[in-house]
Amino acid sequence: MKKRVFIWGLFFALIVGGCAPSHKTNPLREKDIQARFDLANSYLAQGKPRLSLLELSKIEKRCEHLPYFYFVKGMVYLSLRDARNAVRYFKKALSLNPAYGDVWNNLGLAYVLLHKEEDAERCFKKALSIESYTTPEYAAHNLSVLYEREKKYPLAIEYEKKALLQNWRYLPSYIHLAHLYVKIGKYKRAVACLNRARESFPDNPRIYYLLGENYLRINREEDAKFAFERAVELSKDPSLTRMARDYLEMLK
């Protein structure tokens, strides 16, 4: 039976916050430009990056001095998995605002796609060093996944814990941290981690499914049964529901 494992796809949550432009006339106050940005971000969130690019092309000449414009364009190319163009536009954003934490984080993701792990690590750490960066849990989490790929499990665990210190309601960090504990055979710690996650997300079926698996690993079958039953009750994912029911059948 296949386990649910953390994948790189979780990296690509859209981060569309920008920094305030420093020029005298803020073009984001112009209604048509703001509307284009809103449409571009909406298309990006819907998985339609080509339409997002089309909207950005209509305002490019008026926004060439805006770091946020290049950030969004870089995010579009990142969504298209065109890492070279993503790097190109993220670097343009940083040339205008070197303290743009969201850009540093996503530049790191672009380098991951290019298999430039050292550059990615540098970018994630740079993002974490910026005091004004409002979502440091993203960069800490990305570092954790990067270190797991390199089999540096203590560092991976350290940075996932840092992510949760920054935002105790960041679900990907709980799930990945539990996954890391399983990788090193610390099943009781995985259970404790998932129970903390359950306190924050009491209706999340994936947490219950993973709890069930880890209760089985430490021979707590009744707890595992309860967890799988809750996963079935809450899940709207046919695949997860089926796997939880398979476990319940096994536990009869």
C-alpha atoms as a PDB file:
ATOM      1  CA  MET A   1       0.000   0.000   0.000  1.00  0.00           C
ATOM      2  CA  LYS A   2       1.493   3.330  -0.996  1.00  0.00           C
ATOM      3  CA  LYS A   3       2.270   5.894   1.675  1.00  0.00           C
ATOM      4  CA  ARG A   4       1.349   9.515   1.314  1.00  0.00           C
ATOM      5  CA  VAL A   5       4.639  11.359   1.207  1.00  0.00           C
ATOM      6  CA  PHE A   6       5.458  15.035   1.090  1.00  0.00           C
ATOM      7  CA  ILE A   7       6.226  16.214  -2.429  1.00  0.00           C
ATOM      8  CA  TRP A   8       7.864  19.249  -3.963  1.00  0.00           C
ATOM      9  CA  GLY A   9       4.543  20.353  -5.401  1.00  0.00           C
ATOM     10  CA  LEU A  10       3.652  21.760  -1.991  1.00  0.00           C
ATOM     11  CA  PHE A  11       6.324  24.373  -2.534  1.00  0.00           C
ATOM     12  CA  PHE A  12       4.381  26.146  -5.224  1.00  0.00           C
ATOM     13  CA  ALA A  13       1.767  27.907  -3.161  1.00  0.00           C
ATOM     14  CA  LEU A  14       1.189  31.296  -4.718  1.00  0.00           C
ATOM     15  CA  ILE A  15       2.796  34.091  -2.762  1.00  0.00           C
ATOM     16  CA  VAL A  16       1.392  37.243  -4.236  1.00  0.00           C
ATOM     17  CA  GLY A  17       2.203  39.800  -1.544  1.00  0.00           C
ATOM     18  CA  GLY A  18       4.513  42.562  -2.701  1.00  0.00           C
ATOM     19  CA  CYS A  19       6.315  45.536  -1.290  1.00  0.00           C
ATOM     20  CA  ALA A  20       5.118  49.099  -1.568  1.00  0.00           C
ATOM     21  CA  PRO A  21       6.624  50.966  -4.533  1.00  0.00           C
ATOM     22  CA  SER A  22       8.862  53.860  -3.563  1.00  0.00           C
ATOM     23  CA  HIS A  23       8.190  56.187  -6.488  1.00  0.00           C
ATOM     24  CA  LYS A  24       6.098  59.361  -6.131  1.00  0.00           C
ATOM     25  CA  THR A  25       3.162  58.181  -8.233  1.00  0.00           C
ATOM     26  CA  ASN A  26       2.095  54.707  -7.325  1.00  0.00           C
ATOM     27  CA  PRO A  27       0.788  53.004 -10.491  1.00  0.00           C
ATOM     28  CA  LEU A  28      -0.930  50.388  -8.360  1.00  0.00           C
ATOM     29  CA  ARG A  29      -3.435  53.140  -7.569  1.00  0.00           C
ATOM     30  CA  GLU A  30      -4.389  53.351 -11.215  1.00  0.00           C
ATOM     31  CA  LYS A  31      -7.498  51.257 -11.520  1.00  0.00           C
ATOM     32  CA  ASP A  32      -6.646  49.584 -14.814  1.00  0.00           C
ATOM     33  CA  ILE A  33      -3.197  48.523 -13.615  1.00  0.00           C
ATOM     34  CA  GLN A  34      -4.558  47.180 -10.345  1.00  0.00           C
ATOM     35  CA  ALA A  35      -7.217  45.313 -12.301  1.00  0.00           C
ATOM     36  CA  ARG A  36      -4.553  43.715 -14.525  1.00  0.00           C
ATOM     37  CA  PHE A  37      -2.585  42.607 -11.475  1.00  0.00           C
ATOM     38  CA  ASP A  38      -5.732  41.193  -9.906  1.00  0.00           C
ATOM     39  CA  LEU A  39      -6.535  39.277 -13.086  1.00  0.00           C
ATOM     40  CA  ALA A  40      -2.953  38.046 -13.440  1.00  0.00           C
ATOM     41  CA  ASN A  41      -2.938  36.734  -9.876  1.00  0.00           C
ATOM     42  CA  SER A  42      -6.385  35.216 -10.300  1.00  0.00           C
ATOM     43  CA  TYR A  43      -5.337  33.339 -13.428  1.00  0.00           C
ATOM     44  CA  LEU A  44      -2.187  32.187 -11.673  1.00  0.00           C
ATOM     45  CA  ALA A  45      -4.220  30.845  -8.753  1.00  0.00           C
ATOM     46  CA  GLN A  46      -6.514  29.035 -11.207  1.00  0.00           C
ATOM     47  CA  GLY A  47      -3.584  27.327 -12.923  1.00  0.00           C
ATOM     48  CA  LYS A  48      -3.820  29.456 -16.074  1.00  0.00           C
ATOM     49  CA  PRO A  49      -0.350  31.045 -16.237  1.00  0.00           C
ATOM     50  CA  ARG A  50      -0.526  31.847 -19.968  1.00  0.00           C
ATOM     51  CA  LEU A  51      -3.532  34.084 -19.370  1.00  0.00           C
ATOM     52  CA  SER A  52      -1.659  35.646 -16.470  1.00  0.00           C
ATOM     53  CA  LEU A  53       1.232  36.500 -18.790  1.00  0.00           C
ATOM     54  CA  LEU A  54      -1.197  38.094 -21.217  1.00  0.00           C
ATOM     55  CA  GLU A  55      -2.509  40.442 -18.544  1.00  0.00           C
ATOM     56  CA  LEU A  56       1.004  41.357 -17.420  1.00  0.00           C
ATOM     57  CA  SER A  57       2.053  42.151 -20.988  1.00  0.00           C
ATOM     58  CA  LYS A  58      -0.604  44.857 -21.117  1.00  0.00           C
ATOM     59  CA  ILE A  59       0.977  46.841 -18.271  1.00  0.00           C
ATOM     60  CA  GLU A  60       4.670  45.998 -18.613  1.00  0.00           C
ATOM     61  CA  LYS A  61       5.835  49.388 -19.910  1.00  0.00           C
ATOM     62  CA  ARG A  62       4.137  51.220 -17.081  1.00  0.00           C
ATOM     63  CA  CYS A  63       5.382  48.839 -14.400  1.00  0.00           C
ATOM     64  CA  GLU A  64       9.007  48.299 -15.363  1.00  0.00           C
ATOM     65  CA  HIS A  65      10.150  50.153 -12.223  1.00  0.00           C
ATOM     66  CA  LEU A  66       8.001  48.004  -9.903  1.00  0.00           C
ATOM     67  CA  PRO A  67       9.661  45.050  -8.110  1.00  0.00           C
ATOM     68  CA  TYR A  68       6.215  43.545  -7.613  1.00  0.00           C
ATOM     69  CA  PHE A  69       5.642  43.337 -11.370  1.00  0.00           C
ATOM     70  CA  TYR A  70       8.785  41.244 -11.857  1.00  0.00           C
ATOM     71  CA  PHE A  71       7.914  39.139  -8.823  1.00  0.00           C
ATOM     72  CA  VAL A  72       4.523  38.209 -10.276  1.00  0.00           C
ATOM     73  CA  LYS A  73       6.061  37.556 -13.691  1.00  0.00           C
ATOM     74  CA  GLY A  74       8.663  35.337 -12.072  1.00  0.00           C
ATOM     75  CA  MET A  75       5.901  33.446 -10.271  1.00  0.00           C
ATOM     76  CA  VAL A  76       4.140  32.881 -13.588  1.00  0.00           C
ATOM     77  CA  TYR A  77       7.264  31.345 -15.105  1.00  0.00           C
ATOM     78  CA  LEU A  78       7.788  29.302 -11.955  1.00  0.00           C
ATOM     79  CA  SER A  79       4.257  27.973 -12.380  1.00  0.00           C
ATOM     80  CA  LEU A  80       5.175  27.073 -15.971  1.00  0.00           C
ATOM     81  CA  ARG A  81       8.300  25.363 -14.587  1.00  0.00           C
ATOM     82  CA  ASP A  82      10.390  27.624 -16.797  1.00  0.00           C
ATOM     83  CA  ALA A  83      13.030  28.093 -14.142  1.00  0.00           C
ATOM     84  CA  ARG A  84      15.467  30.111 -16.253  1.00  0.00           C
ATOM     85  CA  ASN A  85      12.941  32.829 -16.991  1.00  0.00           C
ATOM     86  CA  ALA A  86      11.745  32.710 -13.387  1.00  0.00           C
ATOM     87  CA  VAL A  87      15.323  33.387 -12.234  1.00  0.00           C
ATOM     88  CA  ARG A  88      15.608  36.197 -14.762  1.00  0.00           C
ATOM     89  CA  TYR A  89      12.552  38.065 -13.499  1.00  0.00           C
ATOM     90  CA  PHE A  90      13.167  37.396  -9.814  1.00  0.00           C
ATOM     91  CA  LYS A  91      16.637  38.893 -10.228  1.00  0.00           C
ATOM     92  CA  LYS A  92      15.092  41.967 -11.862  1.00  0.00           C
ATOM     93  CA  ALA A  93      12.828  42.352  -8.843  1.00  0.00           C
ATOM     94  CA  LEU A  94      15.797  42.070  -6.497  1.00  0.00           C
ATOM     95  CA  SER A  95      17.782  44.644  -8.460  1.00  0.00           C
ATOM     96  CA  LEU A  96      15.000  47.088  -7.569  1.00  0.00           C
ATOM     97  CA  ASN A  97      14.462  45.845  -4.013  1.00  0.00           C
ATOM     98  CA  PRO A  98      17.219  43.642  -2.545  1.00  0.00           C
ATOM     99  CA  ALA A  99      15.207  43.119   0.665  1.00  0.00           C
ATOM    100  CA  TYR A 100      12.221  41.454  -0.998  1.00  0.00           C
ATOM    101  CA  GLY A 101      11.874  38.269   1.043  1.00  0.00           C
ATOM    102  CA  ASP A 102       9.191  36.609  -1.092  1.00  0.00           C
ATOM    103  CA  VAL A 103      11.403  36.977  -4.147  1.00  0.00           C
ATOM    104  CA  TRP A 104      14.434  35.438  -2.440  1.00  0.00           C
ATOM    105  CA  ASN A 105      12.320  32.468  -1.342  1.00  0.00           C
ATOM    106  CA  ASN A 106      10.907  31.842  -4.800  1.00  0.00           C
ATOM    107  CA  LEU A 107      14.249  32.421  -6.469  1.00  0.00           C
ATOM    108  CA  GLY A 108      15.387  29.524  -4.303  1.00  0.00           C
ATOM    109  CA  LEU A 109      12.585  27.383  -5.713  1.00  0.00           C
ATOM    110  CA  ALA A 110      13.640  28.262  -9.239  1.00  0.00           C
ATOM    111  CA  TYR A 111      17.186  27.166  -8.450  1.00  0.00           C
ATOM    112  CA  VAL A 112      15.803  23.885  -7.073  1.00  0.00           C
ATOM    113  CA  LEU A 113      14.207  23.240 -10.458  1.00  0.00           C
ATOM    114  CA  LEU A 114      17.577  23.941 -12.065  1.00  0.00           C
ATOM    115  CA  HIS A 115      19.273  21.482  -9.664  1.00  0.00           C
ATOM    116  CA  LYS A 116      21.383  24.303  -8.229  1.00  0.00           C
ATOM    117  CA  GLU A 117      20.970  23.289  -4.606  1.00  0.00           C
ATOM    118  CA  GLU A 118      23.723  25.516  -3.200  1.00  0.00           C
ATOM    119  CA  ASP A 119      22.178  28.582  -4.816  1.00  0.00           C
ATOM    120  CA  ALA A 120      18.756  27.527  -3.554  1.00  0.00           C
ATOM    121  CA  GLU A 121      20.060  27.132  -0.010  1.00  0.00           C
ATOM    122  CA  ARG A 122      21.660  30.580  -0.168  1.00  0.00           C
ATOM    123  CA  CYS A 123      18.399  32.160  -1.330  1.00  0.00           C
ATOM    124  CA  PHE A 124      16.240  30.516   1.329  1.00  0.00           C
ATOM    125  CA  LYS A 125      18.668  31.604   4.036  1.00  0.00           C
ATOM    126  CA  LYS A 126      18.747  35.114   2.625  1.00  0.00           C
ATOM    127  CA  ALA A 127      14.945  35.242   2.825  1.00  0.00           C
ATOM    128  CA  LEU A 128      15.099  34.150   6.471  1.00  0.00           C
ATOM    129  CA  SER A 129      17.604  36.899   7.254  1.00  0.00           C
ATOM    130  CA  ILE A 130      15.248  39.690   6.129  1.00  0.00           C
ATOM    131  CA  GLU A 131      13.339  41.096   9.097  1.00  0.00           C
ATOM    132  CA  SER A 132      10.532  42.472   6.957  1.00  0.00           C
ATOM    133  CA  TYR A 133       9.818  39.076   5.349  1.00  0.00           C
ATOM    134  CA  THR A 134       6.322  38.258   6.541  1.00  0.00           C
ATOM    135  CA  THR A 135       6.191  34.512   5.775  1.00  0.00           C
ATOM    136  CA  PRO A 136       9.549  33.097   6.964  1.00  0.00           C
ATOM    137  CA  GLU A 137       7.910  29.724   7.559  1.00  0.00           C
ATOM    138  CA  TYR A 138       7.896  29.195   3.776  1.00  0.00           C
ATOM    139  CA  ALA A 139      11.650  29.602   3.441  1.00  0.00           C
ATOM    140  CA  ALA A 140      12.344  27.505   6.557  1.00  0.00           C
ATOM    141  CA  HIS A 141      10.093  24.753   5.218  1.00  0.00           C
ATOM    142  CA  ASN A 142      11.754  24.890   1.803  1.00  0.00           C
ATOM    143  CA  LEU A 143      15.167  24.547   3.450  1.00  0.00           C
ATOM    144  CA  SER A 144      13.885  21.536   5.365  1.00  0.00           C
ATOM    145  CA  VAL A 145      12.750  19.802   2.176  1.00  0.00           C
ATOM    146  CA  LEU A 146      16.041  20.684   0.497  1.00  0.00           C
ATOM    147  CA  TYR A 147      18.008  19.155   3.376  1.00  0.00           C
ATOM    148  CA  GLU A 148      15.861  16.029   3.293  1.00  0.00           C
ATOM    149  CA  ARG A 149      16.736  15.545  -0.373  1.00  0.00           C
ATOM    150  CA  GLU A 150      20.381  15.695   0.664  1.00  0.00           C
ATOM    151  CA  LYS A 151      19.695  13.205   3.501  1.00  0.00           C
ATOM    152  CA  LYS A 152      20.654  15.814   6.100  1.00  0.00           C
ATOM    153  CA  TYR A 153      17.841  14.778   8.413  1.00  0.00           C
ATOM    154  CA  PRO A 154      18.902  16.643  11.591  1.00  0.00           C
ATOM    155  CA  LEU A 155      19.051  19.912   9.628  1.00  0.00           C
ATOM    156  CA  ALA A 156      15.750  19.130   7.921  1.00  0.00           C
ATOM    157  CA  ILE A 157      14.103  18.621  11.322  1.00  0.00           C
ATOM    158  CA  GLU A 158      15.722  21.762  12.729  1.00  0.00           C
ATOM    159  CA  TYR A 159      14.354  23.996   9.988  1.00  0.00           C
ATOM    160  CA  GLU A 160      10.883  22.481  10.072  1.00  0.00           C
ATOM    161  CA  LYS A 161      10.786  23.235  13.789  1.00  0.00           C
ATOM    162  CA  LYS A 162      11.878  26.794  12.985  1.00  0.00           C
ATOM    163  CA  ALA A 163       9.041  27.062  10.498  1.00  0.00           C
ATOM    164  CA  LEU A 164       6.536  26.072  13.186  1.00  0.00           C
ATOM    165  CA  LEU A 165       8.024  28.576  15.621  1.00  0.00           C
ATOM    166  CA  GLN A 166       7.302  31.244  13.015  1.00  0.00           C
ATOM    167  CA  ASN A 167       3.787  29.977  12.307  1.00  0.00           C
ATOM    168  CA  TRP A 168       2.330  27.237  14.497  1.00  0.00           C
ATOM    169  CA  ARG A 169      -0.590  26.834  12.087  1.00  0.00           C
ATOM    170  CA  TYR A 170       1.504  26.017   9.017  1.00  0.00           C
ATOM    171  CA  LEU A 171       0.188  22.561   8.094  1.00  0.00           C
ATOM    172  CA  PRO A 172       2.878  21.541   5.544  1.00  0.00           C
ATOM    173  CA  SER A 173       5.497  21.793   8.286  1.00  0.00           C
ATOM    174  CA  TYR A 174       3.620  19.458  10.626  1.00  0.00           C
ATOM    175  CA  ILE A 175       3.163  16.894   7.879  1.00  0.00           C
ATOM    176  CA  HIS A 176       6.750  17.095   6.700  1.00  0.00           C
ATOM    177  CA  LEU A 177       8.146  17.000  10.234  1.00  0.00           C
ATOM    178  CA  ALA A 178       6.146  13.843  10.962  1.00  0.00           C
ATOM    179  CA  HIS A 179       7.433  12.388   7.682  1.00  0.00           C
ATOM    180  CA  LEU A 180      11.018  13.156   8.752  1.00  0.00           C
ATOM    181  CA  TYR A 181      10.530  11.446  12.105  1.00  0.00           C
ATOM    182  CA  VAL A 182       9.274   8.353  10.286  1.00  0.00           C
ATOM    183  CA  LYS A 183      12.341   8.441   8.028  1.00  0.00           C
ATOM    184  CA  ILE A 184      14.630   8.187  11.073  1.00  0.00           C
ATOM    185  CA  GLY A 185      12.438   5.688  12.940  1.00  0.00           C
ATOM    186  CA  LYS A 186      11.126   8.099  15.601  1.00  0.00           C
ATOM    187  CA  TYR A 187       7.502   6.991  15.364  1.00  0.00           C
ATOM    188  CA  LYS A 188       6.387   8.280  18.762  1.00  0.00           C
ATOM    189  CA  ARG A 189       7.659  11.722  17.840  1.00  0.00           C
ATOM    190  CA  ALA A 190       5.733  11.510  14.577  1.00  0.00           C
ATOM    191  CA  VAL A 191       2.579  10.728  16.568  1.00  0.00           C
ATOM    192  CA  ALA A 192       3.213  13.651  18.919  1.00  0.00           C
ATOM    193  CA  CYS A 193       3.780  15.985  15.976  1.00  0.00           C
ATOM    194  CA  LEU A 194       0.573  14.885  14.257  1.00  0.00           C
ATOM    195  CA  ASN A 195      -1.423  15.251  17.462  1.00  0.00           C
ATOM    196  CA  ARG A 196      -0.204  18.848  17.719  1.00  0.00           C
ATOM    197  CA  ALA A 197      -1.316  19.325  14.137  1.00  0.00           C
ATOM    198  CA  ARG A 198      -4.711  17.842  14.989  1.00  0.00           C
ATOM    199  CA  GLU A 199      -5.183  20.465  17.713  1.00  0.00           C
ATOM    200  CA  SER A 200      -4.796  23.184  15.065  1.00  0.00           C
ATOM    201  CA  PHE A 201      -6.656  21.335  12.291  1.00  0.00           C
ATOM    202  CA  PRO A 202      -9.245  19.108  13.995  1.00  0.00           C
ATOM    203  CA  ASP A 203     -11.133  18.382  10.772  1.00  0.00           C
ATOM    204  CA  ASN A 204      -8.216  17.519   8.495  1.00  0.00           C
ATOM    205  CA  PRO A 205      -8.563  13.932   7.232  1.00  0.00           C
ATOM    206  CA  ARG A 206      -4.966  13.624   6.098  1.00  0.00           C
ATOM    207  CA  ILE A 207      -3.717  14.238   9.627  1.00  0.00           C
ATOM    208  CA  TYR A 208      -5.943  11.423  10.931  1.00  0.00           C
ATOM    209  CA  TYR A 209      -4.798   9.092   8.167  1.00  0.00           C
ATOM    210  CA  LEU A 210      -1.132   9.727   8.979  1.00  0.00           C
ATOM    211  CA  LEU A 211      -1.881   9.364  12.696  1.00  0.00           C
ATOM    212  CA  GLY A 212      -3.438   5.991  11.973  1.00  0.00           C
ATOM    213  CA  GLU A 213      -0.353   4.802  10.124  1.00  0.00           C
ATOM    214  CA  ASN A 214       1.936   5.917  12.926  1.00  0.00           C
ATOM    215  CA  TYR A 215      -0.227   4.454  15.682  1.00  0.00           C
ATOM    216  CA  LEU A 216       0.132   1.135  13.869  1.00  0.00           C
ATOM    217  CA  ARG A 217       3.902   1.559  13.872  1.00  0.00           C
ATOM    218  CA  ILE A 218       3.885   1.742  17.674  1.00  0.00           C
ATOM    219  CA  ASN A 219       1.290  -1.057  18.060  1.00  0.00           C
ATOM    220  CA  ARG A 220      -1.617   1.098  19.231  1.00  0.00           C
ATOM    221  CA  GLU A 221      -4.274  -0.552  17.118  1.00  0.00           C
ATOM    222  CA  GLU A 222      -7.346   0.904  18.839  1.00  0.00           C
ATOM    223  CA  ASP A 223      -6.006   4.436  18.409  1.00  0.00           C
ATOM    224  CA  ALA A 224      -5.169   3.634  14.812  1.00  0.00           C
ATOM    225  CA  LYS A 225      -8.685   2.372  14.200  1.00  0.00           C
ATOM    226  CA  PHE A 226     -10.188   5.564  15.630  1.00  0.00           C
ATOM    227  CA  ALA A 227      -7.877   7.696  13.468  1.00  0.00           C
ATOM    228  CA  PHE A 228      -8.727   5.829  10.265  1.00  0.00           C
ATOM    229  CA  GLU A 229     -12.458   6.035  11.058  1.00  0.00           C
ATOM    230  CA  ARG A 230     -12.154   9.809  11.475  1.00  0.00           C
ATOM    231  CA  ALA A 231     -10.220  10.022   8.205  1.00  0.00           C
ATOM    232  CA  VAL A 232     -13.059   8.224   6.415  1.00  0.00           C
ATOM    233  CA  GLU A 233     -15.682  10.462   8.044  1.00  0.00           C
ATOM    234  CA  LEU A 234     -13.924  13.676   7.077  1.00  0.00           C
ATOM    235  CA  SER A 235     -12.323  12.863   3.734  1.00  0.00           C
ATOM    236  CA  LYS A 236     -13.591  14.036   0.373  1.00  0.00           C
ATOM    237  CA  ASP A 237     -10.618  12.459  -1.388  1.00  0.00           C
ATOM    238  CA  PRO A 238     -11.616   9.032  -2.793  1.00  0.00           C
ATOM    239  CA  SER A 239      -8.020   7.815  -2.777  1.00  0.00           C
ATOM    240  CA  LEU A 240      -7.421   8.683   0.877  1.00  0.00           C
ATOM    241  CA  THR A 241     -10.813   7.287   1.856  1.00  0.00           C
ATOM    242  CA  ARG A 242     -10.063   4.008   0.089  1.00  0.00           C
ATOM    243  CA  MET A 243      -6.677   3.625   1.789  1.00  0.00           C
ATOM    244  CA  ALA A 244      -8.138   4.368   5.222  1.00  0.00           C
ATOM    245  CA  ARG A 245     -10.874   1.780   4.643  1.00  0.00           C
ATOM    246  CA  ASP A 246      -8.254  -0.756   3.590  1.00  0.00           C
ATOM    247  CA  TYR A 247      -6.537  -0.275   6.936  1.00  0.00           C
ATOM    248  CA  LEU A 248      -9.858  -0.577   8.790  1.00  0.00           C
ATOM    249  CA  GLU A 249     -10.556  -3.847   6.993  1.00  0.00           C
ATOM    250  CA  MET A 250      -7.138  -5.091   8.039  1.00  0.00           C
ATOM    251  CA  LEU A 251      -7.849  -4.114  11.685  1.00  0.00           C
ATOM    252  CA  LYS A 252     -11.129  -6.069  11.939  1.00  0.00           C
END
